[in-house]
């Protein structure tokens, strides 16, 4: 009985924490962009700008509604997510890879030098690949060799060695430095 009561208290405490997090997120979602940018929490700013920009472009359905700064932010965030979901090969060969040339320019714009150095080592020779999914897949299928597969795996390892805050901090700085473009 003693353990049951202890678990019940732990579950109640966890439920309270979750409820507090949800309430805080709901409050943040009500903030204007200007108010959001005044928060001291880099993570909250980046996550909520990401949510707002995804909603604005309907999760990549219509990137033309984004201004240049929002598009850079969106493409870098999509790149980060794609790499975390399945690595470099996954990103370049899936739908988000349709924008890989624009994404590389976005990485340059945001000065994500560590990612760009990984890209230079592995994918530089594929810059002439097509943006159309089927044509790009066919192109990669012809070019990918066992030694290239090893390079891709090493690139994935290098990416995973980056601190979790690497993208977050640079995206936060990008938003802050271009604050007027995100209003």
N, C-alpha and C. Protein backbone atom coordinates (compact mmCIF):
# COMPACT_ATOMS: atom_id res chain seq x y z
N UNK A 1 0.83 -1.19 0.00
CA UNK A 1 0.00 0.00 0.00
C UNK A 1 0.88 1.26 0.00
N UNK A 2 2.00 1.19 0.71
CA UNK A 2 2.89 2.33 0.81
C UNK A 2 3.43 2.73 -0.57
N UNK A 3 3.84 1.72 -1.38
CA UNK A 3 4.35 1.99 -2.73
C UNK A 3 3.26 2.56 -3.63
N UNK A 4 2.03 2.08 -3.48
CA UNK A 4 0.92 2.59 -4.27
C UNK A 4 0.73 4.08 -4.01
N UNK A 5 0.74 4.47 -2.75
CA UNK A 5 0.56 5.89 -2.41
C UNK A 5 1.73 6.73 -2.91
N UNK A 6 2.93 6.19 -2.87
CA UNK A 6 4.11 6.90 -3.37
C UNK A 6 3.98 7.13 -4.89
N UNK A 7 3.58 6.06 -5.64
CA UNK A 7 3.40 6.17 -7.10
C UNK A 7 2.29 7.16 -7.41
N UNK A 8 1.23 7.14 -6.63
CA UNK A 8 0.11 8.05 -6.85
C UNK A 8 0.58 9.50 -6.69
N UNK A 9 1.41 9.76 -5.68
CA UNK A 9 1.94 11.10 -5.48
C UNK A 9 2.86 11.50 -6.64
N UNK A 10 3.71 10.58 -7.09
CA UNK A 10 4.61 10.86 -8.21
C UNK A 10 3.80 11.16 -9.47
N UNK A 11 2.76 10.36 -9.74
CA UNK A 11 1.91 10.60 -10.91
C UNK A 11 1.20 11.94 -10.82
N UNK A 12 0.77 12.29 -9.60
CA UNK A 12 0.10 13.57 -9.40
C UNK A 12 1.08 14.72 -9.63
N UNK A 13 2.31 14.57 -9.13
CA UNK A 13 3.35 15.59 -9.34
C UNK A 13 3.67 15.73 -10.82
N UNK A 14 3.81 14.61 -11.53
CA UNK A 14 4.11 14.64 -12.97
C UNK A 14 2.97 15.29 -13.73
N UNK A 15 1.75 14.98 -13.37
CA UNK A 15 0.59 15.59 -14.03
C UNK A 15 0.57 17.09 -13.83
N UNK A 16 0.93 17.54 -12.66
CA UNK A 16 0.99 18.98 -12.37
C UNK A 16 2.07 19.64 -13.23
N UNK A 17 3.23 19.01 -13.32
CA UNK A 17 4.32 19.57 -14.13
C UNK A 17 3.90 19.68 -15.59
N UNK A 18 3.27 18.62 -16.11
CA UNK A 18 2.82 18.63 -17.50
C UNK A 18 1.76 19.71 -17.70
N UNK A 19 0.84 19.83 -16.78
CA UNK A 19 -0.20 20.86 -16.88
C UNK A 19 0.42 22.26 -16.86
N UNK A 20 1.44 22.46 -16.03
CA UNK A 20 2.13 23.76 -15.98
C UNK A 20 2.84 24.07 -17.29
N UNK A 21 3.47 23.06 -17.89
CA UNK A 21 4.16 23.25 -19.17
C UNK A 21 3.15 23.61 -20.26
N UNK A 22 2.04 22.92 -20.30
CA UNK A 22 1.00 23.20 -21.30
C UNK A 22 0.46 24.61 -21.11
N UNK A 23 0.21 24.99 -19.87
CA UNK A 23 -0.31 26.33 -19.59
C UNK A 23 0.70 27.40 -20.03
N UNK A 24 1.97 27.18 -19.74
CA UNK A 24 3.01 28.14 -20.13
C UNK A 24 3.08 28.25 -21.65
N UNK A 25 3.02 27.11 -22.35
CA UNK A 25 3.07 27.13 -23.82
C UNK A 25 1.85 27.86 -24.38
N UNK A 26 0.69 27.65 -23.80
CA UNK A 26 -0.52 28.35 -24.27
C UNK A 26 -0.37 29.86 -24.08
N UNK A 27 0.25 30.26 -22.99
CA UNK A 27 0.48 31.69 -22.75
C UNK A 27 1.48 32.26 -23.76
N UNK A 28 2.52 31.50 -24.05
CA UNK A 28 3.53 31.95 -25.02
C UNK A 28 2.91 32.08 -26.41
N UNK A 29 2.05 31.15 -26.78
CA UNK A 29 1.42 31.18 -28.10
C UNK A 29 0.57 32.44 -28.30
N UNK A 30 0.08 33.03 -27.22
CA UNK A 30 -0.74 34.24 -27.30
C UNK A 30 0.11 35.50 -27.49
N UNK A 31 1.41 35.41 -27.26
CA UNK A 31 2.28 36.58 -27.36
C UNK A 31 2.45 37.01 -28.81
N UNK A 32 2.60 38.30 -29.00
CA UNK A 32 2.95 38.81 -30.33
C UNK A 32 4.42 38.45 -30.59
N UNK A 33 4.85 38.59 -31.83
CA UNK A 33 6.26 38.34 -32.13
C UNK A 33 7.17 39.24 -31.31
N UNK A 34 6.78 40.49 -31.17
CA UNK A 34 7.58 41.45 -30.39
C UNK A 34 7.70 41.00 -28.94
N UNK A 35 6.59 40.56 -28.36
CA UNK A 35 6.61 40.09 -26.98
C UNK A 35 7.41 38.80 -26.85
N UNK A 36 7.27 37.93 -27.83
CA UNK A 36 8.01 36.66 -27.82
C UNK A 36 9.51 36.93 -27.83
N UNK A 37 9.94 37.89 -28.62
CA UNK A 37 11.37 38.21 -28.72
C UNK A 37 11.94 38.79 -27.42
N UNK A 38 11.09 39.23 -26.52
CA UNK A 38 11.55 39.78 -25.25
C UNK A 38 11.79 38.69 -24.19
N UNK A 39 11.38 37.47 -24.49
CA UNK A 39 11.60 36.37 -23.54
C UNK A 39 13.09 36.08 -23.42
N UNK A 40 13.50 35.66 -22.25
CA UNK A 40 14.90 35.29 -22.01
C UNK A 40 15.19 33.84 -22.40
N UNK A 41 14.17 33.11 -22.75
CA UNK A 41 14.29 31.69 -23.04
C UNK A 41 14.52 31.46 -24.53
N UNK A 42 15.79 31.25 -24.93
CA UNK A 42 16.13 31.05 -26.35
C UNK A 42 15.31 29.92 -26.96
N UNK A 43 15.19 28.83 -26.24
CA UNK A 43 14.45 27.67 -26.75
C UNK A 43 12.99 28.03 -27.04
N UNK A 44 12.34 28.70 -26.13
CA UNK A 44 10.94 29.08 -26.32
C UNK A 44 10.79 29.98 -27.55
N UNK A 45 11.72 30.92 -27.72
CA UNK A 45 11.66 31.83 -28.87
C UNK A 45 11.81 31.04 -30.17
N UNK A 46 12.83 30.20 -30.24
CA UNK A 46 13.09 29.45 -31.47
C UNK A 46 11.95 28.49 -31.78
N UNK A 47 11.51 27.74 -30.79
CA UNK A 47 10.44 26.76 -31.00
C UNK A 47 9.17 27.46 -31.47
N UNK A 48 8.83 28.57 -30.84
CA UNK A 48 7.58 29.24 -31.19
C UNK A 48 7.66 29.97 -32.53
N UNK A 49 8.81 30.50 -32.89
CA UNK A 49 8.94 31.07 -34.23
C UNK A 49 8.85 29.96 -35.27
N UNK A 50 9.43 28.83 -34.95
CA UNK A 50 9.34 27.69 -35.86
C UNK A 50 7.88 27.28 -36.07
N UNK A 51 7.13 27.17 -34.98
CA UNK A 51 5.70 26.82 -35.07
C UNK A 51 4.93 27.85 -35.89
N UNK A 52 5.20 29.12 -35.67
CA UNK A 52 4.50 30.19 -36.38
C UNK A 52 4.82 30.18 -37.88
N UNK A 53 6.07 29.98 -38.20
CA UNK A 53 6.48 29.98 -39.61
C UNK A 53 5.95 28.72 -40.31
N UNK A 54 5.98 27.58 -39.63
CA UNK A 54 5.40 26.36 -40.21
C UNK A 54 3.92 26.54 -40.49
N UNK A 55 3.24 27.15 -39.55
CA UNK A 55 1.80 27.39 -39.73
C UNK A 55 1.57 28.36 -40.90
N UNK A 56 2.38 29.39 -40.97
CA UNK A 56 2.23 30.40 -42.02
C UNK A 56 2.38 29.80 -43.42
N UNK A 57 3.36 28.92 -43.59
CA UNK A 57 3.59 28.32 -44.92
C UNK A 57 2.93 26.95 -45.05
N UNK A 58 2.11 26.62 -44.10
CA UNK A 58 1.39 25.34 -44.09
C UNK A 58 2.35 24.16 -44.24
N UNK A 59 3.37 24.16 -43.39
CA UNK A 59 4.37 23.08 -43.37
C UNK A 59 4.91 22.77 -44.76
N UNK A 60 5.43 23.79 -45.39
CA UNK A 60 6.13 23.69 -46.68
C UNK A 60 5.19 23.71 -47.88
N UNK A 61 3.90 23.71 -47.66
CA UNK A 61 2.96 23.72 -48.78
C UNK A 61 3.09 24.97 -49.63
N UNK A 62 3.40 26.11 -48.97
CA UNK A 62 3.45 27.37 -49.70
C UNK A 62 4.56 28.26 -49.13
N UNK A 63 5.79 27.98 -49.54
CA UNK A 63 6.92 28.77 -49.04
C UNK A 63 6.91 30.19 -49.58
N UNK A 64 6.16 30.43 -50.64
CA UNK A 64 6.14 31.77 -51.24
C UNK A 64 5.52 32.82 -50.33
N UNK A 65 4.79 32.41 -49.30
CA UNK A 65 4.20 33.38 -48.38
C UNK A 65 5.21 33.89 -47.35
N UNK A 66 6.37 33.24 -47.31
CA UNK A 66 7.41 33.65 -46.35
C UNK A 66 8.29 34.72 -46.96
N UNK A 67 8.72 35.68 -46.13
CA UNK A 67 9.72 36.62 -46.61
C UNK A 67 11.07 35.91 -46.61
N UNK A 68 12.09 36.55 -47.16
CA UNK A 68 13.40 35.89 -47.30
C UNK A 68 13.97 35.42 -45.97
N UNK A 69 13.78 36.19 -44.92
CA UNK A 69 14.34 35.85 -43.60
C UNK A 69 13.59 34.67 -42.98
N UNK A 70 12.28 34.67 -43.13
CA UNK A 70 11.49 33.55 -42.63
C UNK A 70 11.82 32.28 -43.40
N UNK A 71 12.04 32.41 -44.69
CA UNK A 71 12.36 31.24 -45.51
C UNK A 71 13.71 30.65 -45.10
N UNK A 72 14.70 31.51 -44.87
CA UNK A 72 16.01 31.02 -44.39
C UNK A 72 15.81 30.25 -43.09
N UNK A 73 15.08 30.85 -42.16
CA UNK A 73 14.82 30.21 -40.88
C UNK A 73 14.11 28.87 -41.08
N UNK A 74 13.08 28.87 -41.92
CA UNK A 74 12.31 27.65 -42.18
C UNK A 74 13.19 26.55 -42.76
N UNK A 75 13.97 26.89 -43.80
CA UNK A 75 14.80 25.88 -44.47
C UNK A 75 15.87 25.31 -43.54
N UNK A 76 16.46 26.15 -42.72
CA UNK A 76 17.47 25.65 -41.76
C UNK A 76 16.80 24.74 -40.74
N UNK A 77 15.63 25.11 -40.27
CA UNK A 77 14.91 24.27 -39.30
C UNK A 77 14.51 22.94 -39.92
N UNK A 78 14.03 22.98 -41.17
CA UNK A 78 13.64 21.75 -41.87
C UNK A 78 14.86 20.86 -42.10
N UNK A 79 15.98 21.47 -42.42
CA UNK A 79 17.23 20.73 -42.60
C UNK A 79 17.62 20.04 -41.30
N UNK A 80 17.61 20.79 -40.22
CA UNK A 80 17.98 20.22 -38.92
C UNK A 80 17.08 19.04 -38.58
N UNK A 81 15.78 19.21 -38.77
CA UNK A 81 14.83 18.14 -38.47
C UNK A 81 15.07 16.93 -39.36
N UNK A 82 15.28 17.18 -40.66
CA UNK A 82 15.53 16.09 -41.59
C UNK A 82 16.76 15.28 -41.24
N UNK A 83 17.84 15.98 -40.88
CA UNK A 83 19.08 15.29 -40.51
C UNK A 83 18.87 14.49 -39.23
N UNK A 84 18.18 15.08 -38.26
CA UNK A 84 17.93 14.37 -37.01
C UNK A 84 17.01 13.17 -37.22
N UNK A 85 16.08 13.29 -38.17
CA UNK A 85 15.15 12.19 -38.44
C UNK A 85 15.79 11.02 -39.15
N UNK A 86 16.76 11.29 -40.04
CA UNK A 86 17.30 10.16 -40.80
C UNK A 86 18.66 10.37 -41.41
N UNK A 87 19.32 11.47 -41.11
CA UNK A 87 20.66 11.70 -41.62
C UNK A 87 20.67 12.48 -42.92
N UNK A 88 21.87 12.72 -43.42
CA UNK A 88 22.05 13.52 -44.62
C UNK A 88 21.40 12.89 -45.85
N UNK A 89 21.60 11.61 -46.02
CA UNK A 89 21.03 10.94 -47.20
C UNK A 89 19.51 11.07 -47.17
N UNK A 90 18.91 10.84 -46.03
CA UNK A 90 17.46 10.97 -45.89
C UNK A 90 17.01 12.37 -46.28
N UNK A 91 17.70 13.38 -45.76
CA UNK A 91 17.31 14.76 -46.07
C UNK A 91 17.37 15.02 -47.57
N UNK A 92 18.48 14.68 -48.20
CA UNK A 92 18.67 15.01 -49.60
C UNK A 92 17.77 14.20 -50.52
N UNK A 93 17.38 13.02 -50.10
CA UNK A 93 16.58 12.17 -50.97
C UNK A 93 15.08 12.27 -50.71
N UNK A 94 14.68 12.94 -49.67
CA UNK A 94 13.26 13.08 -49.38
C UNK A 94 12.74 14.44 -49.82
N UNK A 95 11.45 14.68 -49.57
CA UNK A 95 10.77 15.91 -50.03
C UNK A 95 11.50 17.20 -49.66
N UNK A 96 11.98 17.30 -48.43
CA UNK A 96 12.66 18.52 -48.01
C UNK A 96 13.92 18.77 -48.82
N UNK A 97 14.46 17.72 -49.39
CA UNK A 97 15.62 17.83 -50.25
C UNK A 97 15.34 18.54 -51.57
N UNK A 98 14.06 18.73 -51.90
CA UNK A 98 13.71 19.49 -53.10
C UNK A 98 14.28 20.90 -53.01
N UNK A 99 14.53 21.35 -51.80
CA UNK A 99 15.05 22.70 -51.56
C UNK A 99 16.51 22.67 -51.13
N UNK A 100 17.24 21.60 -51.46
CA UNK A 100 18.58 21.47 -50.89
C UNK A 100 19.51 22.60 -51.34
N UNK A 101 19.37 23.10 -52.56
CA UNK A 101 20.24 24.20 -53.00
C UNK A 101 19.91 25.47 -52.22
N UNK A 102 18.64 25.75 -52.05
CA UNK A 102 18.23 26.90 -51.25
C UNK A 102 18.62 26.71 -49.78
N UNK A 103 18.56 25.47 -49.32
CA UNK A 103 18.93 25.18 -47.94
C UNK A 103 20.40 25.46 -47.71
N UNK A 104 21.25 25.08 -48.65
CA UNK A 104 22.69 25.34 -48.51
C UNK A 104 22.92 26.85 -48.43
N UNK A 105 22.22 27.61 -49.27
CA UNK A 105 22.34 29.07 -49.20
C UNK A 105 21.84 29.60 -47.86
N UNK A 106 20.81 28.98 -47.32
CA UNK A 106 20.28 29.38 -46.02
C UNK A 106 21.27 29.08 -44.90
N UNK A 107 21.94 27.94 -45.00
CA UNK A 107 22.97 27.59 -44.01
C UNK A 107 24.10 28.62 -44.06
N UNK A 108 24.45 29.06 -45.27
CA UNK A 108 25.48 30.09 -45.43
C UNK A 108 25.00 31.42 -44.85
N UNK A 109 23.76 31.78 -45.15
CA UNK A 109 23.19 33.03 -44.65
C UNK A 109 23.19 33.06 -43.13
N UNK A 110 22.89 31.93 -42.51
CA UNK A 110 22.83 31.87 -41.06
C UNK A 110 24.20 31.60 -40.43
N UNK A 111 25.19 31.42 -41.29
CA UNK A 111 26.58 31.21 -40.85
C UNK A 111 26.74 29.95 -40.00
N UNK A 112 26.15 28.87 -40.46
CA UNK A 112 26.27 27.58 -39.79
C UNK A 112 27.50 26.86 -40.37
N UNK A 113 28.66 27.40 -40.05
CA UNK A 113 29.92 26.97 -40.65
C UNK A 113 30.26 25.51 -40.39
N UNK A 114 29.95 25.01 -39.22
CA UNK A 114 30.30 23.62 -38.91
C UNK A 114 29.50 22.66 -39.78
N UNK A 115 28.25 22.99 -40.04
CA UNK A 115 27.42 22.17 -40.92
C UNK A 115 27.90 22.30 -42.36
N UNK A 116 28.24 23.51 -42.75
CA UNK A 116 28.72 23.73 -44.12
C UNK A 116 30.02 22.98 -44.39
N UNK A 117 30.89 22.87 -43.39
CA UNK A 117 32.13 22.12 -43.60
C UNK A 117 31.84 20.63 -43.80
N UNK A 118 30.84 20.10 -43.10
CA UNK A 118 30.43 18.71 -43.31
C UNK A 118 29.87 18.56 -44.72
N UNK A 119 29.04 19.50 -45.12
CA UNK A 119 28.45 19.48 -46.46
C UNK A 119 29.55 19.50 -47.53
N UNK A 120 30.51 20.40 -47.37
CA UNK A 120 31.60 20.54 -48.34
C UNK A 120 32.35 19.22 -48.52
N UNK A 121 32.59 18.52 -47.43
CA UNK A 121 33.34 17.27 -47.50
C UNK A 121 32.57 16.16 -48.20
N UNK A 122 31.25 16.17 -48.07
CA UNK A 122 30.47 15.03 -48.53
C UNK A 122 29.63 15.33 -49.77
N UNK A 123 28.94 16.44 -49.78
CA UNK A 123 27.92 16.66 -50.81
C UNK A 123 28.26 17.70 -51.87
N UNK A 124 29.40 18.32 -51.77
CA UNK A 124 29.77 19.37 -52.71
C UNK A 124 29.65 18.90 -54.16
N UNK A 125 30.04 17.66 -54.43
CA UNK A 125 30.02 17.16 -55.81
C UNK A 125 28.60 16.94 -56.35
N UNK A 126 27.60 17.07 -55.49
CA UNK A 126 26.21 16.85 -55.92
C UNK A 126 25.44 18.15 -56.15
N UNK A 127 26.14 19.26 -56.19
CA UNK A 127 25.45 20.54 -56.36
C UNK A 127 24.68 20.64 -57.66
N UNK A 128 25.03 19.84 -58.65
CA UNK A 128 24.30 19.89 -59.91
C UNK A 128 23.12 18.93 -59.95
N UNK A 129 22.81 18.29 -58.83
CA UNK A 129 21.65 17.39 -58.77
C UNK A 129 20.37 18.20 -58.97
N UNK A 130 19.38 17.57 -59.51
CA UNK A 130 18.09 18.22 -59.79
C UNK A 130 17.30 18.43 -58.50
N UNK A 131 16.47 19.46 -58.51
CA UNK A 131 15.62 19.70 -57.35
C UNK A 131 14.36 18.83 -57.40
N UNK A 132 13.93 18.39 -58.55
CA UNK A 132 12.78 17.50 -58.68
C UNK A 132 13.11 16.18 -57.98
N UNK A 133 12.20 15.71 -57.16
CA UNK A 133 12.42 14.53 -56.33
C UNK A 133 12.85 13.31 -57.15
N UNK A 134 12.07 12.94 -58.17
CA UNK A 134 12.36 11.73 -58.95
C UNK A 134 13.69 11.84 -59.69
N UNK A 135 13.94 12.98 -60.30
CA UNK A 135 15.20 13.18 -61.02
C UNK A 135 16.39 13.18 -60.06
N UNK A 136 16.21 13.78 -58.89
CA UNK A 136 17.28 13.82 -57.90
C UNK A 136 17.57 12.42 -57.37
N UNK A 137 16.54 11.65 -57.10
CA UNK A 137 16.72 10.28 -56.60
C UNK A 137 17.46 9.45 -57.64
N UNK A 138 17.08 9.57 -58.90
CA UNK A 138 17.75 8.83 -59.97
C UNK A 138 19.23 9.25 -60.05
N UNK A 139 19.48 10.53 -59.95
CA UNK A 139 20.85 11.07 -60.00
C UNK A 139 21.68 10.51 -58.84
N UNK A 140 21.15 10.54 -57.64
CA UNK A 140 21.87 10.04 -56.47
C UNK A 140 22.09 8.53 -56.57
N UNK A 141 21.09 7.81 -57.04
CA UNK A 141 21.23 6.35 -57.16
C UNK A 141 22.40 5.98 -58.07
N UNK A 142 22.62 6.77 -59.11
CA UNK A 142 23.73 6.51 -60.03
C UNK A 142 25.07 6.88 -59.41
N UNK A 143 25.09 7.90 -58.57
CA UNK A 143 26.34 8.44 -58.03
C UNK A 143 26.80 7.78 -56.73
N UNK A 144 25.86 7.24 -55.99
CA UNK A 144 26.20 6.73 -54.66
C UNK A 144 26.94 5.40 -54.75
N UNK A 145 28.10 5.36 -54.14
CA UNK A 145 28.93 4.15 -54.09
C UNK A 145 29.10 3.75 -52.63
N UNK A 146 29.72 2.59 -52.42
CA UNK A 146 29.96 2.14 -51.04
C UNK A 146 30.84 3.13 -50.27
N UNK A 147 31.86 3.67 -50.95
CA UNK A 147 32.74 4.62 -50.27
C UNK A 147 31.99 5.91 -49.94
N UNK A 148 31.05 6.28 -50.82
CA UNK A 148 30.26 7.47 -50.53
C UNK A 148 29.31 7.22 -49.36
N UNK A 149 28.77 6.01 -49.31
CA UNK A 149 27.90 5.64 -48.17
C UNK A 149 28.66 5.81 -46.86
N UNK A 150 29.94 5.42 -46.85
CA UNK A 150 30.76 5.58 -45.65
C UNK A 150 30.93 7.06 -45.30
N UNK A 151 31.11 7.90 -46.32
CA UNK A 151 31.23 9.34 -46.08
C UNK A 151 29.94 9.90 -45.49
N UNK A 152 28.81 9.43 -45.99
CA UNK A 152 27.52 9.89 -45.47
C UNK A 152 27.39 9.50 -44.00
N UNK A 153 27.74 8.28 -43.67
CA UNK A 153 27.66 7.84 -42.28
C UNK A 153 28.57 8.67 -41.38
N UNK A 154 29.76 8.99 -41.88
CA UNK A 154 30.69 9.84 -41.10
C UNK A 154 30.11 11.23 -40.94
N UNK A 155 29.48 11.76 -42.00
CA UNK A 155 28.84 13.08 -41.91
C UNK A 155 27.74 13.06 -40.85
N UNK A 156 26.95 11.99 -40.84
CA UNK A 156 25.89 11.86 -39.82
C UNK A 156 26.49 11.85 -38.42
N UNK A 157 27.59 11.12 -38.25
CA UNK A 157 28.26 11.08 -36.95
C UNK A 157 28.76 12.46 -36.54
N UNK A 158 29.36 13.19 -37.48
CA UNK A 158 29.85 14.54 -37.18
C UNK A 158 28.69 15.45 -36.78
N UNK A 159 27.57 15.31 -37.46
CA UNK A 159 26.39 16.11 -37.14
C UNK A 159 25.92 15.80 -35.72
N UNK A 160 25.86 14.53 -35.38
CA UNK A 160 25.37 14.13 -34.06
C UNK A 160 26.32 14.52 -32.94
N UNK A 161 27.59 14.80 -33.28
CA UNK A 161 28.55 15.24 -32.28
C UNK A 161 28.37 16.71 -31.91
N UNK A 162 27.62 17.45 -32.72
CA UNK A 162 27.39 18.86 -32.41
C UNK A 162 26.53 18.97 -31.15
N UNK A 163 26.79 19.97 -30.33
CA UNK A 163 25.95 20.14 -29.13
C UNK A 163 24.51 20.44 -29.54
N UNK A 164 23.57 20.00 -28.73
CA UNK A 164 22.15 20.22 -29.02
C UNK A 164 21.82 21.69 -29.21
N UNK A 165 22.56 22.55 -28.55
CA UNK A 165 22.26 23.99 -28.60
C UNK A 165 22.83 24.68 -29.85
N UNK A 166 23.60 23.95 -30.67
CA UNK A 166 24.27 24.57 -31.81
C UNK A 166 23.29 25.30 -32.73
N UNK A 167 22.29 24.58 -33.24
CA UNK A 167 21.31 25.20 -34.13
C UNK A 167 20.47 26.22 -33.39
N UNK A 168 20.03 25.84 -32.20
CA UNK A 168 19.13 26.70 -31.44
C UNK A 168 19.72 28.09 -31.22
N UNK A 169 20.95 28.14 -30.77
CA UNK A 169 21.56 29.43 -30.47
C UNK A 169 21.75 30.27 -31.75
N UNK A 170 22.20 29.65 -32.81
CA UNK A 170 22.42 30.39 -34.06
C UNK A 170 21.08 30.86 -34.63
N UNK A 171 20.06 30.03 -34.56
CA UNK A 171 18.73 30.47 -35.05
C UNK A 171 18.20 31.60 -34.17
N UNK A 172 18.42 31.52 -32.88
CA UNK A 172 17.99 32.59 -31.97
C UNK A 172 18.69 33.90 -32.33
N UNK A 173 19.99 33.83 -32.52
CA UNK A 173 20.76 35.03 -32.89
C UNK A 173 20.28 35.60 -34.23
N UNK A 174 19.96 34.71 -35.16
CA UNK A 174 19.47 35.14 -36.47
C UNK A 174 18.15 35.90 -36.32
N UNK A 175 17.28 35.37 -35.49
CA UNK A 175 15.99 36.05 -35.24
C UNK A 175 16.24 37.40 -34.59
N UNK A 176 17.06 37.41 -33.54
CA UNK A 176 17.32 38.67 -32.83
C UNK A 176 17.99 39.71 -33.73
N UNK A 177 18.93 39.28 -34.58
CA UNK A 177 19.63 40.22 -35.46
C UNK A 177 18.76 40.72 -36.61
N UNK A 178 17.68 40.03 -36.88
CA UNK A 178 16.76 40.41 -37.95
C UNK A 178 15.35 40.59 -37.42
N UNK A 179 15.28 41.03 -36.20
CA UNK A 179 14.02 41.12 -35.45
C UNK A 179 12.90 41.78 -36.26
N UNK A 180 13.20 42.87 -36.92
CA UNK A 180 12.17 43.61 -37.65
C UNK A 180 11.61 42.82 -38.83
N UNK A 181 12.32 41.81 -39.31
CA UNK A 181 11.86 41.00 -40.44
C UNK A 181 10.90 39.90 -40.00
N UNK A 182 10.82 39.66 -38.70
CA UNK A 182 9.97 38.59 -38.18
C UNK A 182 8.73 39.13 -37.48
N UNK A 183 8.29 40.30 -37.88
CA UNK A 183 7.14 40.90 -37.19
C UNK A 183 5.87 40.71 -37.94
